[in-house]
Amino acid sequence: MIVVTGASRGIGRAICERLISKNMEVFGLARNIDAIDFQSMKCDVSSYEDIKAVVQRLKKLGAKIEGLINAAGIASMNLALTTPPKVSQSIVHTNLLGTIYCCQQMAPLIIRNRTGSIINFSTIAVALGLKGESIYAASKAGVEGFTRAFAREMSDFNIKVNCIAPGPIDTNLLKGITSHQIDKIIAQQIISRQFTTEDVSDLVELLLDEKSASLSGQVLHVGGV
C-alpha cells in the first residue's frame, strides 16, 4: 500500500490516479475526501493527532505500507513583509511540520518491511529564490533539509527518502499567478517549458520502483535548475 497526502486534488490526486492505474493499492489522505473514490481518510497533516489516528486505522487494517508520498501543501504568494503571521504559521505547519509528522509516524510502518520509499515535495522556488514566495520557499527549504538528513536515518532500514521540486504545474497552487510570472519562472529552468502532473507522476513512479535503488537524499527538480 502507498499512502498519499493531499490526495483530493492537484499533484496528489494525479499521483493517486497514476498508481491505481498501475494496480497499486493507494490510501489517500486529505482535509476533504468527499470527491475521493478510492480508499481514503480525512486528515489535516498539520495535526499530529490526525496523523496518529490514520496510523491506528492502518494498523487495524493490517496494511503493508511500502511507500509514503507527502504531496499535501499550501502556498500564499505574497511578500514576506505583508504576509500575516497566521498565514505564515499555516504554511510552515502544513508544508514542513506536516511532512515531518507524516514521516515520523508512518516510517515505523514502512520499516516493518525493511524496504520502501518516502517521497517529499519541495518547489523550484527554493532553488530560484523567487520574489513573493519567501515564506513558501522557507517552508519547502526545510523539507529539503529534512529529506537529506532523514534519508541517512532511514538508510539502515533500506528505505529511500527523496524529494521532488516541481516548477510551475497547472494546479490550484498557481491561482493568483499571472501567465507572465509563470513564463518568467519557466525561462529560468534548464528545460524551458511547463511540465504537467503526468510528468511529476512519472518521477514518483520511478522513485517507488527498485530501478531507483541508488537514489536517496536527493532533490529532483522538474525542469532542472
N, C-alpha and C. Protein backbone atom coordinates (compact mmCIF):
# COMPACT_ATOMS: atom_id res chain seq x y z
N MET A 1 0.84 -1.20 0.00
CA MET A 1 0.00 0.00 0.00
C MET A 1 0.88 1.26 0.00
N ILE A 2 0.46 2.26 -0.79
CA ILE A 2 1.14 3.54 -0.83
C ILE A 2 0.22 4.59 -0.21
N VAL A 3 0.70 5.30 0.78
CA VAL A 3 -0.07 6.37 1.43
C VAL A 3 0.29 7.69 0.76
N VAL A 4 -0.74 8.43 0.35
CA VAL A 4 -0.53 9.70 -0.36
C VAL A 4 -1.30 10.81 0.36
N THR A 5 -0.59 11.86 0.78
CA THR A 5 -1.26 13.01 1.37
C THR A 5 -1.61 14.02 0.27
N GLY A 6 -2.57 14.89 0.56
CA GLY A 6 -3.01 15.84 -0.46
C GLY A 6 -3.68 15.14 -1.63
N ALA A 7 -4.43 14.06 -1.31
CA ALA A 7 -4.94 13.15 -2.34
C ALA A 7 -6.20 13.62 -3.04
N SER A 8 -6.78 14.73 -2.61
CA SER A 8 -8.07 15.13 -3.16
C SER A 8 -7.97 15.95 -4.44
N ARG A 9 -6.79 16.54 -4.70
CA ARG A 9 -6.68 17.39 -5.89
C ARG A 9 -5.22 17.60 -6.28
N GLY A 10 -5.03 18.27 -7.41
CA GLY A 10 -3.69 18.66 -7.83
C GLY A 10 -2.75 17.49 -8.04
N ILE A 11 -1.49 17.71 -7.67
CA ILE A 11 -0.45 16.70 -7.86
C ILE A 11 -0.76 15.43 -7.08
N GLY A 12 -1.24 15.58 -5.86
CA GLY A 12 -1.56 14.40 -5.04
C GLY A 12 -2.61 13.52 -5.69
N ARG A 13 -3.64 14.13 -6.22
CA ARG A 13 -4.71 13.36 -6.87
C ARG A 13 -4.19 12.67 -8.13
N ALA A 14 -3.39 13.39 -8.91
CA ALA A 14 -2.83 12.82 -10.14
C ALA A 14 -1.94 11.62 -9.82
N ILE A 15 -1.17 11.72 -8.75
CA ILE A 15 -0.31 10.60 -8.35
C ILE A 15 -1.15 9.39 -7.96
N CYS A 16 -2.20 9.62 -7.19
CA CYS A 16 -3.08 8.52 -6.78
C CYS A 16 -3.66 7.82 -8.00
N GLU A 17 -4.16 8.60 -8.96
CA GLU A 17 -4.77 8.02 -10.15
C GLU A 17 -3.75 7.22 -10.96
N ARG A 18 -2.51 7.73 -11.04
CA ARG A 18 -1.48 7.01 -11.77
C ARG A 18 -1.18 5.66 -11.10
N LEU A 19 -0.98 5.69 -9.78
CA LEU A 19 -0.63 4.46 -9.07
C LEU A 19 -1.75 3.43 -9.13
N ILE A 20 -2.99 3.90 -9.02
CA ILE A 20 -4.13 2.99 -9.11
C ILE A 20 -4.20 2.37 -10.50
N SER A 21 -3.88 3.17 -11.53
CA SER A 21 -3.89 2.65 -12.91
C SER A 21 -2.82 1.57 -13.10
N LYS A 22 -1.81 1.58 -12.22
CA LYS A 22 -0.74 0.58 -12.27
C LYS A 22 -1.02 -0.58 -11.31
N ASN A 23 -2.28 -0.65 -10.85
CA ASN A 23 -2.74 -1.72 -9.96
C ASN A 23 -2.06 -1.70 -8.59
N MET A 24 -1.64 -0.51 -8.16
CA MET A 24 -1.09 -0.37 -6.81
C MET A 24 -2.22 0.00 -5.84
N GLU A 25 -2.10 -0.47 -4.62
CA GLU A 25 -3.09 -0.13 -3.60
C GLU A 25 -2.72 1.22 -2.99
N VAL A 26 -3.68 2.15 -3.01
CA VAL A 26 -3.44 3.52 -2.55
C VAL A 26 -4.37 3.86 -1.40
N PHE A 27 -3.83 4.57 -0.43
CA PHE A 27 -4.64 5.08 0.68
C PHE A 27 -4.42 6.59 0.72
N GLY A 28 -5.47 7.35 0.39
CA GLY A 28 -5.35 8.79 0.28
C GLY A 28 -5.73 9.53 1.55
N LEU A 29 -5.00 10.61 1.83
CA LEU A 29 -5.29 11.48 2.97
C LEU A 29 -5.54 12.89 2.46
N ALA A 30 -6.56 13.54 2.99
CA ALA A 30 -6.87 14.91 2.59
C ALA A 30 -7.80 15.53 3.62
N ARG A 31 -7.85 16.85 3.64
CA ARG A 31 -8.76 17.53 4.56
C ARG A 31 -10.21 17.36 4.13
N ASN A 32 -10.43 17.20 2.82
CA ASN A 32 -11.77 16.98 2.29
C ASN A 32 -11.73 15.76 1.37
N ILE A 33 -12.42 14.71 1.75
CA ILE A 33 -12.36 13.46 0.98
C ILE A 33 -13.67 13.18 0.23
N ASP A 34 -14.56 14.17 0.17
CA ASP A 34 -15.87 13.95 -0.47
C ASP A 34 -15.75 13.50 -1.92
N ALA A 35 -14.74 14.03 -2.64
CA ALA A 35 -14.62 13.72 -4.07
C ALA A 35 -13.67 12.54 -4.35
N ILE A 36 -13.18 11.91 -3.29
CA ILE A 36 -12.24 10.79 -3.47
C ILE A 36 -13.02 9.49 -3.58
N ASP A 37 -12.75 8.72 -4.65
CA ASP A 37 -13.48 7.47 -4.88
C ASP A 37 -12.60 6.23 -4.68
N PHE A 38 -11.53 6.38 -3.87
CA PHE A 38 -10.70 5.24 -3.52
C PHE A 38 -10.47 5.27 -2.01
N GLN A 39 -9.75 4.28 -1.49
CA GLN A 39 -9.53 4.23 -0.04
C GLN A 39 -8.95 5.55 0.47
N SER A 40 -9.57 6.10 1.51
CA SER A 40 -9.10 7.39 1.99
C SER A 40 -9.55 7.63 3.42
N MET A 41 -8.99 8.68 4.00
CA MET A 41 -9.36 9.08 5.35
C MET A 41 -9.11 10.57 5.50
N LYS A 42 -10.04 11.24 6.15
CA LYS A 42 -9.91 12.67 6.37
C LYS A 42 -8.74 12.94 7.31
N CYS A 43 -7.86 13.86 6.92
CA CYS A 43 -6.67 14.13 7.73
C CYS A 43 -6.08 15.48 7.38
N ASP A 44 -5.81 16.27 8.39
CA ASP A 44 -5.08 17.52 8.24
C ASP A 44 -3.64 17.21 8.67
N VAL A 45 -2.71 17.23 7.73
CA VAL A 45 -1.35 16.78 8.05
C VAL A 45 -0.65 17.69 9.06
N SER A 46 -1.15 18.90 9.25
CA SER A 46 -0.54 19.78 10.24
C SER A 46 -0.94 19.39 11.67
N SER A 47 -1.84 18.41 11.77
CA SER A 47 -2.30 17.92 13.08
C SER A 47 -1.65 16.58 13.39
N TYR A 48 -0.80 16.55 14.40
CA TYR A 48 -0.13 15.32 14.81
C TYR A 48 -1.15 14.26 15.21
N GLU A 49 -2.24 14.71 15.85
CA GLU A 49 -3.27 13.78 16.30
C GLU A 49 -4.03 13.17 15.13
N ASP A 50 -4.27 13.96 14.08
CA ASP A 50 -4.94 13.42 12.89
C ASP A 50 -4.12 12.28 12.27
N ILE A 51 -2.81 12.51 12.15
CA ILE A 51 -1.93 11.51 11.55
C ILE A 51 -1.86 10.28 12.45
N LYS A 52 -1.84 10.50 13.74
CA LYS A 52 -1.82 9.39 14.69
C LYS A 52 -3.06 8.51 14.50
N ALA A 53 -4.21 9.14 14.27
CA ALA A 53 -5.45 8.39 14.05
C ALA A 53 -5.38 7.58 12.76
N VAL A 54 -4.75 8.14 11.73
CA VAL A 54 -4.58 7.43 10.46
C VAL A 54 -3.72 6.19 10.67
N VAL A 55 -2.62 6.35 11.40
CA VAL A 55 -1.72 5.22 11.66
C VAL A 55 -2.45 4.11 12.41
N GLN A 56 -3.27 4.49 13.37
CA GLN A 56 -4.03 3.50 14.13
C GLN A 56 -4.98 2.72 13.23
N ARG A 57 -5.61 3.44 12.29
CA ARG A 57 -6.52 2.77 11.36
C ARG A 57 -5.77 1.83 10.44
N LEU A 58 -4.61 2.27 9.95
CA LEU A 58 -3.82 1.43 9.05
C LEU A 58 -3.36 0.16 9.77
N LYS A 59 -3.03 0.29 11.04
CA LYS A 59 -2.63 -0.87 11.83
C LYS A 59 -3.79 -1.85 11.97
N LYS A 60 -5.00 -1.31 12.20
CA LYS A 60 -6.17 -2.16 12.33
C LYS A 60 -6.48 -2.89 11.03
N LEU A 61 -6.21 -2.21 9.91
CA LEU A 61 -6.43 -2.82 8.60
C LEU A 61 -5.37 -3.87 8.28
N GLY A 62 -4.29 -3.88 9.06
CA GLY A 62 -3.19 -4.79 8.78
C GLY A 62 -2.48 -4.44 7.49
N ALA A 63 -2.48 -3.15 7.16
CA ALA A 63 -1.92 -2.70 5.89
C ALA A 63 -0.40 -2.85 5.87
N LYS A 64 0.10 -3.29 4.71
CA LYS A 64 1.54 -3.37 4.49
C LYS A 64 1.95 -2.10 3.73
N ILE A 65 2.55 -1.16 4.45
CA ILE A 65 2.89 0.14 3.86
C ILE A 65 4.26 0.06 3.20
N GLU A 66 4.27 0.27 1.89
CA GLU A 66 5.51 0.20 1.13
C GLU A 66 6.02 1.58 0.71
N GLY A 67 5.17 2.58 0.83
CA GLY A 67 5.61 3.91 0.43
C GLY A 67 4.75 5.00 1.02
N LEU A 68 5.34 6.19 1.15
CA LEU A 68 4.65 7.38 1.65
C LEU A 68 4.98 8.53 0.71
N ILE A 69 3.95 9.21 0.24
CA ILE A 69 4.16 10.37 -0.64
C ILE A 69 3.52 11.58 0.02
N ASN A 70 4.35 12.53 0.44
CA ASN A 70 3.88 13.72 1.12
C ASN A 70 3.64 14.84 0.11
N ALA A 71 2.46 14.78 -0.53
CA ALA A 71 2.13 15.75 -1.58
C ALA A 71 1.27 16.90 -1.08
N ALA A 72 0.80 16.83 0.16
CA ALA A 72 -0.04 17.92 0.69
C ALA A 72 0.79 19.19 0.85
N GLY A 73 0.23 20.30 0.45
CA GLY A 73 0.95 21.56 0.60
C GLY A 73 0.06 22.75 0.29
N ILE A 74 0.41 23.88 0.87
CA ILE A 74 -0.32 25.12 0.61
C ILE A 74 0.68 26.23 0.32
N ALA A 75 0.21 27.27 -0.34
CA ALA A 75 1.07 28.39 -0.67
C ALA A 75 0.29 29.68 -0.59
N SER A 76 0.98 30.77 -0.33
CA SER A 76 0.40 32.11 -0.37
C SER A 76 1.43 33.02 -1.01
N MET A 77 1.21 33.39 -2.25
CA MET A 77 2.18 34.20 -2.97
C MET A 77 2.06 35.66 -2.51
N ASN A 78 3.00 36.03 -1.66
CA ASN A 78 2.94 37.39 -1.09
C ASN A 78 4.33 37.76 -0.59
N LEU A 79 4.60 39.05 -0.54
CA LEU A 79 5.87 39.50 0.01
C LEU A 79 5.93 39.18 1.49
N ALA A 80 7.10 38.86 2.00
CA ALA A 80 7.26 38.49 3.41
C ALA A 80 6.75 39.58 4.34
N LEU A 81 7.02 40.85 3.98
CA LEU A 81 6.64 41.96 4.86
C LEU A 81 5.14 42.16 4.97
N THR A 82 4.39 41.62 4.02
CA THR A 82 2.93 41.80 4.05
C THR A 82 2.19 40.49 4.29
N THR A 83 2.91 39.45 4.69
CA THR A 83 2.27 38.17 4.99
C THR A 83 1.87 38.11 6.46
N PRO A 84 0.58 37.96 6.76
CA PRO A 84 0.12 37.91 8.16
C PRO A 84 0.72 36.71 8.90
N PRO A 85 0.96 36.84 10.19
CA PRO A 85 1.54 35.75 10.98
C PRO A 85 0.75 34.44 10.87
N LYS A 86 -0.58 34.53 10.87
CA LYS A 86 -1.38 33.30 10.79
C LYS A 86 -1.16 32.57 9.48
N VAL A 87 -0.96 33.33 8.40
CA VAL A 87 -0.71 32.71 7.10
C VAL A 87 0.66 32.03 7.10
N SER A 88 1.65 32.73 7.64
CA SER A 88 3.00 32.15 7.73
C SER A 88 2.99 30.85 8.53
N GLN A 89 2.29 30.89 9.66
CA GLN A 89 2.21 29.71 10.52
C GLN A 89 1.52 28.55 9.81
N SER A 90 0.46 28.85 9.09
CA SER A 90 -0.28 27.82 8.38
C SER A 90 0.59 27.16 7.30
N ILE A 91 1.36 27.97 6.57
CA ILE A 91 2.23 27.45 5.52
C ILE A 91 3.30 26.53 6.11
N VAL A 92 3.95 27.00 7.17
CA VAL A 92 5.01 26.21 7.80
C VAL A 92 4.45 24.95 8.45
N HIS A 93 3.33 25.07 9.11
CA HIS A 93 2.75 23.91 9.78
C HIS A 93 2.32 22.82 8.79
N THR A 94 1.73 23.24 7.67
CA THR A 94 1.28 22.26 6.68
C THR A 94 2.44 21.68 5.88
N ASN A 95 3.27 22.55 5.32
CA ASN A 95 4.32 22.10 4.40
C ASN A 95 5.49 21.41 5.11
N LEU A 96 5.99 22.02 6.16
CA LEU A 96 7.16 21.47 6.84
C LEU A 96 6.79 20.51 7.96
N LEU A 97 6.03 20.99 8.94
CA LEU A 97 5.67 20.11 10.06
C LEU A 97 4.80 18.95 9.60
N GLY A 98 3.91 19.20 8.62
CA GLY A 98 3.08 18.12 8.10
C GLY A 98 3.91 17.00 7.51
N THR A 99 4.96 17.37 6.77
CA THR A 99 5.86 16.37 6.20
C THR A 99 6.61 15.62 7.30
N ILE A 100 7.11 16.37 8.27
CA ILE A 100 7.84 15.75 9.38
C ILE A 100 6.93 14.81 10.17
N TYR A 101 5.73 15.28 10.52
CA TYR A 101 4.81 14.45 11.29
C TYR A 101 4.48 13.14 10.57
N CYS A 102 4.20 13.24 9.26
CA CYS A 102 3.86 12.04 8.50
C CYS A 102 5.03 11.06 8.46
N CYS A 103 6.24 11.58 8.25
CA CYS A 103 7.41 10.72 8.22
C CYS A 103 7.65 10.07 9.58
N GLN A 104 7.51 10.85 10.64
CA GLN A 104 7.74 10.31 11.98
C GLN A 104 6.79 9.16 12.30
N GLN A 105 5.52 9.31 11.92
CA GLN A 105 4.53 8.33 12.34
C GLN A 105 4.34 7.19 11.33
N MET A 106 4.59 7.47 10.05
CA MET A 106 4.41 6.43 9.03
C MET A 106 5.66 5.55 8.85
N ALA A 107 6.83 6.13 9.07
CA ALA A 107 8.08 5.39 8.84
C ALA A 107 8.14 4.06 9.60
N PRO A 108 7.71 4.00 10.87
CA PRO A 108 7.76 2.72 11.57
C PRO A 108 6.96 1.62 10.87
N LEU A 109 5.87 1.99 10.18
CA LEU A 109 5.08 1.00 9.44
C LEU A 109 5.83 0.51 8.21
N ILE A 110 6.59 1.43 7.58
CA ILE A 110 7.38 1.04 6.40
C ILE A 110 8.59 0.21 6.82
N ILE A 111 9.18 0.56 7.97
CA ILE A 111 10.36 -0.14 8.47
C ILE A 111 10.08 -1.63 8.67
N ARG A 112 8.85 -1.97 8.98
CA ARG A 112 8.49 -3.38 9.17
C ARG A 112 8.84 -4.21 7.95
N ASN A 113 8.79 -3.60 6.75
CA ASN A 113 9.08 -4.33 5.51
C ASN A 113 10.56 -4.40 5.21
N ARG A 114 11.35 -3.59 5.94
CA ARG A 114 12.79 -3.48 5.70
C ARG A 114 13.11 -3.00 4.29
N THR A 115 12.15 -2.36 3.66
CA THR A 115 12.35 -1.73 2.35
C THR A 115 11.17 -0.79 2.09
N GLY A 116 11.41 0.21 1.24
CA GLY A 116 10.33 1.14 0.94
C GLY A 116 10.85 2.46 0.41
N SER A 117 9.92 3.36 0.13
CA SER A 117 10.28 4.66 -0.44
C SER A 117 9.41 5.76 0.14
N ILE A 118 10.05 6.85 0.54
CA ILE A 118 9.34 8.03 1.02
C ILE A 118 9.66 9.18 0.05
N ILE A 119 8.62 9.86 -0.42
CA ILE A 119 8.81 10.96 -1.36
C ILE A 119 8.17 12.22 -0.79
N ASN A 120 9.00 13.22 -0.57
CA ASN A 120 8.52 14.51 -0.09
C ASN A 120 8.46 15.50 -1.24
N PHE A 121 7.80 16.63 -1.03
CA PHE A 121 7.66 17.62 -2.09
C PHE A 121 8.18 18.99 -1.68
N SER A 122 9.02 19.54 -2.53
CA SER A 122 9.53 20.90 -2.36
C SER A 122 9.02 21.74 -3.54
N THR A 123 9.79 22.72 -3.96
CA THR A 123 9.40 23.60 -5.05
C THR A 123 10.63 24.23 -5.67
N ILE A 124 10.54 24.58 -6.92
CA ILE A 124 11.63 25.26 -7.61
C ILE A 124 11.90 26.63 -7.00
N ALA A 125 10.91 27.14 -6.24
CA ALA A 125 11.06 28.46 -5.60
C ALA A 125 12.22 28.49 -4.62
N VAL A 126 12.59 27.34 -4.07
CA VAL A 126 13.73 27.28 -3.15
C VAL A 126 15.02 27.56 -3.90
N ALA A 127 15.24 26.84 -4.97
CA ALA A 127 16.48 26.98 -5.74
C ALA A 127 16.59 28.34 -6.42
N LEU A 128 15.45 28.87 -6.88
CA LEU A 128 15.49 30.13 -7.63
C LEU A 128 15.30 31.36 -6.74
N GLY A 129 14.91 31.16 -5.48
CA GLY A 129 14.69 32.30 -4.59
C GLY A 129 13.68 33.27 -5.15
N LEU A 130 12.50 32.76 -5.51
CA LEU A 130 11.52 33.57 -6.22
C LEU A 130 10.90 34.67 -5.36
N LYS A 131 10.85 35.86 -5.90
CA LYS A 131 10.24 37.01 -5.23
C LYS A 131 8.76 36.75 -4.99
N GLY A 132 8.31 37.07 -3.79
CA GLY A 132 6.90 36.88 -3.45
C GLY A 132 6.57 35.49 -2.94
N GLU A 133 7.59 34.62 -2.85
CA GLU A 133 7.36 33.26 -2.38
C GLU A 133 8.29 32.91 -1.22
N SER A 134 8.74 33.92 -0.48
CA SER A 134 9.76 33.70 0.55
C SER A 134 9.29 32.78 1.67
N ILE A 135 8.06 32.96 2.15
CA ILE A 135 7.57 32.12 3.25
C ILE A 135 7.36 30.69 2.75
N TYR A 136 6.75 30.58 1.59
CA TYR A 136 6.54 29.27 0.96
C TYR A 136 7.88 28.57 0.72
N ALA A 137 8.84 29.32 0.17
CA ALA A 137 10.16 28.75 -0.11
C ALA A 137 10.86 28.33 1.18
N ALA A 138 10.69 29.12 2.23
CA ALA A 138 11.31 28.78 3.51
C ALA A 138 10.78 27.46 4.06
N SER A 139 9.46 27.26 3.95
CA SER A 139 8.87 26.01 4.44
C SER A 139 9.38 24.81 3.65
N LYS A 140 9.53 25.00 2.34
CA LYS A 140 9.98 23.90 1.49
C LYS A 140 11.49 23.68 1.59
N ALA A 141 12.25 24.74 1.88
CA ALA A 141 13.69 24.56 2.12
C ALA A 141 13.88 23.67 3.34
N GLY A 142 13.01 23.84 4.31
CA GLY A 142 13.04 22.97 5.48
C GLY A 142 12.76 21.53 5.11
N VAL A 143 11.83 21.32 4.18
CA VAL A 143 11.52 19.97 3.72
C VAL A 143 12.74 19.34 3.05
N GLU A 144 13.46 20.14 2.25
CA GLU A 144 14.65 19.61 1.58
C GLU A 144 15.73 19.22 2.58
N GLY A 145 15.96 20.07 3.58
CA GLY A 145 16.96 19.75 4.60
C GLY A 145 16.56 18.53 5.40
N PHE A 146 15.29 18.44 5.74
CA PHE A 146 14.79 17.28 6.47
C PHE A 146 14.95 16.00 5.65
N THR A 147 14.65 16.09 4.35
CA THR A 147 14.75 14.93 3.47
C THR A 147 16.17 14.38 3.44
N ARG A 148 17.14 15.26 3.31
CA ARG A 148 18.54 14.82 3.23
C ARG A 148 18.97 14.10 4.51
N ALA A 149 18.62 14.69 5.65
CA ALA A 149 19.03 14.10 6.92
C ALA A 149 18.23 12.83 7.24
N PHE A 150 16.93 12.86 6.94
CA PHE A 150 16.08 11.70 7.24
C PHE A 150 16.46 10.51 6.37
N ALA A 151 16.95 10.79 5.16
CA ALA A 151 17.40 9.71 4.28
C ALA A 151 18.52 8.92 4.93
N ARG A 152 19.42 9.61 5.61
CA ARG A 152 20.51 8.92 6.31
C ARG A 152 19.97 8.09 7.47
N GLU A 153 18.98 8.61 8.15
CA GLU A 153 18.40 7.88 9.28
C GLU A 153 17.67 6.62 8.82
N MET A 154 17.11 6.65 7.63
CA MET A 154 16.34 5.52 7.11
C MET A 154 17.18 4.52 6.32
N SER A 155 18.41 4.89 6.00
CA SER A 155 19.24 4.03 5.15
C SER A 155 19.49 2.65 5.77
N ASP A 156 19.59 2.58 7.07
CA ASP A 156 19.83 1.29 7.74
C ASP A 156 18.66 0.31 7.54
N PHE A 157 17.49 0.87 7.19
CA PHE A 157 16.31 0.03 7.01
C PHE A 157 15.98 -0.20 5.54
N ASN A 158 16.91 0.19 4.66
CA ASN A 158 16.74 0.03 3.21
C ASN A 158 15.53 0.82 2.70
N ILE A 159 15.34 2.01 3.28
CA ILE A 159 14.24 2.88 2.86
C ILE A 159 14.82 4.13 2.21
N LYS A 160 14.40 4.39 0.99
CA LYS A 160 14.84 5.59 0.27
C LYS A 160 13.98 6.78 0.67
N VAL A 161 14.61 7.94 0.79
CA VAL A 161 13.87 9.18 1.07
C VAL A 161 14.36 10.24 0.08
N ASN A 162 13.47 10.68 -0.78
CA ASN A 162 13.82 11.67 -1.78
C ASN A 162 12.80 12.79 -1.83
N CYS A 163 13.12 13.81 -2.59
CA CYS A 163 12.27 14.99 -2.67
C CYS A 163 12.12 15.41 -4.13
N ILE A 164 10.90 15.73 -4.53
CA ILE A 164 10.63 16.25 -5.87
C ILE A 164 10.30 17.74 -5.74
N ALA A 165 10.95 18.55 -6.56
CA ALA A 165 10.74 20.00 -6.51
C ALA A 165 10.25 20.48 -7.87
N PRO A 166 8.94 20.55 -8.07
CA PRO A 166 8.40 20.96 -9.37
C PRO A 166 8.53 22.46 -9.62
N GLY A 167 8.57 22.81 -10.90
CA GLY A 167 8.38 24.19 -11.31
C GLY A 167 6.89 24.45 -11.36
N PRO A 168 6.44 25.44 -12.13
CA PRO A 168 5.00 25.74 -12.21
C PRO A 168 4.22 24.59 -12.86
N ILE A 169 3.36 23.96 -12.08
CA ILE A 169 2.49 22.90 -12.57
C ILE A 169 1.06 23.44 -12.51
N ASP A 170 0.27 23.14 -13.51
CA ASP A 170 -1.09 23.69 -13.60
C ASP A 170 -2.02 23.05 -12.57
N THR A 171 -1.95 23.57 -11.33
CA THR A 171 -2.83 23.14 -10.24
C THR A 171 -3.37 24.38 -9.54
N ASN A 172 -4.14 24.17 -8.46
CA ASN A 172 -4.71 25.29 -7.72
C ASN A 172 -3.65 26.19 -7.09
N LEU A 173 -2.43 25.66 -6.90
CA LEU A 173 -1.38 26.48 -6.30
C LEU A 173 -0.98 27.65 -7.19
N LEU A 174 -1.32 27.58 -8.47
CA LEU A 174 -0.96 28.66 -9.39
C LEU A 174 -2.01 29.77 -9.45
N LYS A 175 -3.10 29.59 -8.71
CA LYS A 175 -4.12 30.64 -8.70
C LYS A 175 -3.53 31.95 -8.19
N GLY A 176 -3.80 33.02 -8.89
CA GLY A 176 -3.29 34.32 -8.47
C GLY A 176 -1.96 34.67 -9.09
N ILE A 177 -1.37 33.73 -9.83
CA ILE A 177 -0.10 34.00 -10.52
C ILE A 177 -0.40 34.24 -11.99
N THR A 178 0.07 35.33 -12.53
CA THR A 178 -0.21 35.67 -13.93
C THR A 178 0.61 34.79 -14.87
N SER A 179 0.14 34.69 -16.11
CA SER A 179 0.86 33.91 -17.11
C SER A 179 2.25 34.49 -17.37
N HIS A 180 2.37 35.81 -17.23
CA HIS A 180 3.67 36.46 -17.41
C HIS A 180 4.65 36.01 -16.32
N GLN A 181 4.17 35.94 -15.07
CA GLN A 181 5.01 35.48 -13.96
C GLN A 181 5.43 34.03 -14.15
N ILE A 182 4.49 33.21 -14.62
CA ILE A 182 4.79 31.80 -14.86
C ILE A 182 5.84 31.66 -15.95
N ASP A 183 5.70 32.44 -17.01
CA ASP A 183 6.68 32.39 -18.11
C ASP A 183 8.08 32.79 -17.63
N LYS A 184 8.16 33.76 -16.73
CA LYS A 184 9.46 34.19 -16.20
C LYS A 184 10.13 33.08 -15.40
N ILE A 185 9.33 32.34 -14.65
CA ILE A 185 9.88 31.22 -13.88
C ILE A 185 10.35 30.12 -14.81
N ILE A 186 9.53 29.77 -15.79
CA ILE A 186 9.86 28.71 -16.73
C ILE A 186 11.15 29.05 -17.49
N ALA A 187 11.34 30.33 -17.79
CA ALA A 187 12.54 30.76 -18.53
C ALA A 187 13.82 30.51 -17.74
N GLN A 188 13.70 30.37 -16.40
CA GLN A 188 14.88 30.14 -15.56
C GLN A 188 15.20 28.66 -15.40
N GLN A 189 14.30 27.80 -15.87
CA GLN A 189 14.55 26.36 -15.80
C GLN A 189 15.55 25.97 -16.89
N ILE A 190 16.24 24.87 -16.66
CA ILE A 190 17.14 24.36 -17.70
C ILE A 190 16.34 23.93 -18.93
N ILE A 191 15.21 23.25 -18.68
CA ILE A 191 14.30 22.87 -19.75
C ILE A 191 13.13 23.84 -19.70
N SER A 192 13.11 24.78 -20.62
CA SER A 192 12.18 25.92 -20.53
C SER A 192 10.80 25.61 -21.10
N ARG A 193 10.08 24.76 -20.39
CA ARG A 193 8.68 24.53 -20.73
C ARG A 193 7.92 24.16 -19.47
N GLN A 194 6.62 24.33 -19.52
CA GLN A 194 5.81 23.99 -18.36
C GLN A 194 5.52 22.49 -18.35
N PHE A 195 5.76 21.87 -17.21
CA PHE A 195 5.52 20.44 -17.07
C PHE A 195 4.15 20.20 -16.44
N THR A 196 3.74 18.95 -16.43
CA THR A 196 2.39 18.61 -16.00
C THR A 196 2.41 17.65 -14.81
N THR A 197 1.22 17.41 -14.27
CA THR A 197 1.12 16.43 -13.17
C THR A 197 1.51 15.04 -13.65
N GLU A 198 1.36 14.78 -14.94
CA GLU A 198 1.78 13.49 -15.51
C GLU A 198 3.31 13.34 -15.43
N ASP A 199 4.01 14.43 -15.70
CA ASP A 199 5.48 14.40 -15.61
C ASP A 199 5.92 14.12 -14.17
N VAL A 200 5.24 14.75 -13.23
CA VAL A 200 5.56 14.53 -11.81
C VAL A 200 5.25 13.08 -11.42
N SER A 201 4.13 12.57 -11.90
CA SER A 201 3.76 11.19 -11.61
C SER A 201 4.78 10.20 -12.16
N ASP A 202 5.38 10.54 -13.31
CA ASP A 202 6.44 9.70 -13.87
C ASP A 202 7.60 9.57 -12.89
N LEU A 203 7.99 10.71 -12.30
CA LEU A 203 9.10 10.70 -11.34
C LEU A 203 8.73 9.91 -10.08
N VAL A 204 7.51 10.09 -9.62
CA VAL A 204 7.05 9.36 -8.44
C VAL A 204 7.12 7.86 -8.70
N GLU A 205 6.64 7.45 -9.86
CA GLU A 205 6.65 6.03 -10.21
C GLU A 205 8.08 5.48 -10.22
N LEU A 206 9.02 6.28 -10.74
CA LEU A 206 10.42 5.86 -10.76
C LEU A 206 10.98 5.72 -9.35
N LEU A 207 10.70 6.70 -8.49
CA LEU A 207 11.25 6.69 -7.13
C LEU A 207 10.66 5.57 -6.27
N LEU A 208 9.47 5.11 -6.62
CA LEU A 208 8.87 3.99 -5.90
C LEU A 208 9.45 2.66 -6.36
N ASP A 209 10.01 2.65 -7.56
CA ASP A 209 10.49 1.42 -8.17
C ASP A 209 11.91 1.08 -7.71
N GLU A 210 12.24 -0.21 -7.77
CA GLU A 210 13.59 -0.65 -7.42
C GLU A 210 14.65 -0.13 -8.39
N LYS A 211 14.22 0.34 -9.56
CA LYS A 211 15.16 0.90 -10.53
C LYS A 211 15.86 2.15 -9.99
N SER A 212 15.27 2.77 -8.97
CA SER A 212 15.87 3.96 -8.37
C SER A 212 16.55 3.63 -7.04
N ALA A 213 16.98 2.38 -6.88
CA ALA A 213 17.59 1.93 -5.62
C ALA A 213 18.83 2.73 -5.24
N SER A 214 19.46 3.36 -6.22
CA SER A 214 20.69 4.13 -5.94
C SER A 214 20.41 5.57 -5.52
N LEU A 215 19.14 5.96 -5.51
CA LEU A 215 18.80 7.36 -5.20
C LEU A 215 18.19 7.49 -3.81
N SER A 216 18.82 8.29 -2.98
CA SER A 216 18.24 8.64 -1.67
C SER A 216 18.87 9.94 -1.19
N GLY A 217 18.07 10.74 -0.51
CA GLY A 217 18.55 12.03 -0.03
C GLY A 217 18.68 13.06 -1.14
N GLN A 218 18.00 12.83 -2.27
CA GLN A 218 18.13 13.70 -3.43
C GLN A 218 16.92 14.62 -3.58
N VAL A 219 17.19 15.81 -4.17
CA VAL A 219 16.12 16.73 -4.53
C VAL A 219 16.10 16.79 -6.06
N LEU A 220 15.02 16.30 -6.66
CA LEU A 220 14.90 16.25 -8.11
C LEU A 220 14.03 17.41 -8.60
N HIS A 221 14.63 18.31 -9.37
CA HIS A 221 13.92 19.49 -9.87
C HIS A 221 13.25 19.18 -11.21
N VAL A 222 11.95 19.31 -11.27
CA VAL A 222 11.22 19.10 -12.52
C VAL A 222 11.48 20.32 -13.42
N GLY A 223 12.19 20.08 -14.50
CA GLY A 223 12.57 21.17 -15.39
C GLY A 223 14.03 21.58 -15.23
N GLY A 224 14.61 21.22 -14.09
CA GLY A 224 16.03 21.50 -13.86
C GLY A 224 16.32 22.94 -13.51
N VAL A 225 17.32 23.13 -12.65
CA VAL A 225 17.75 24.49 -12.26
C VAL A 225 19.27 24.58 -12.33
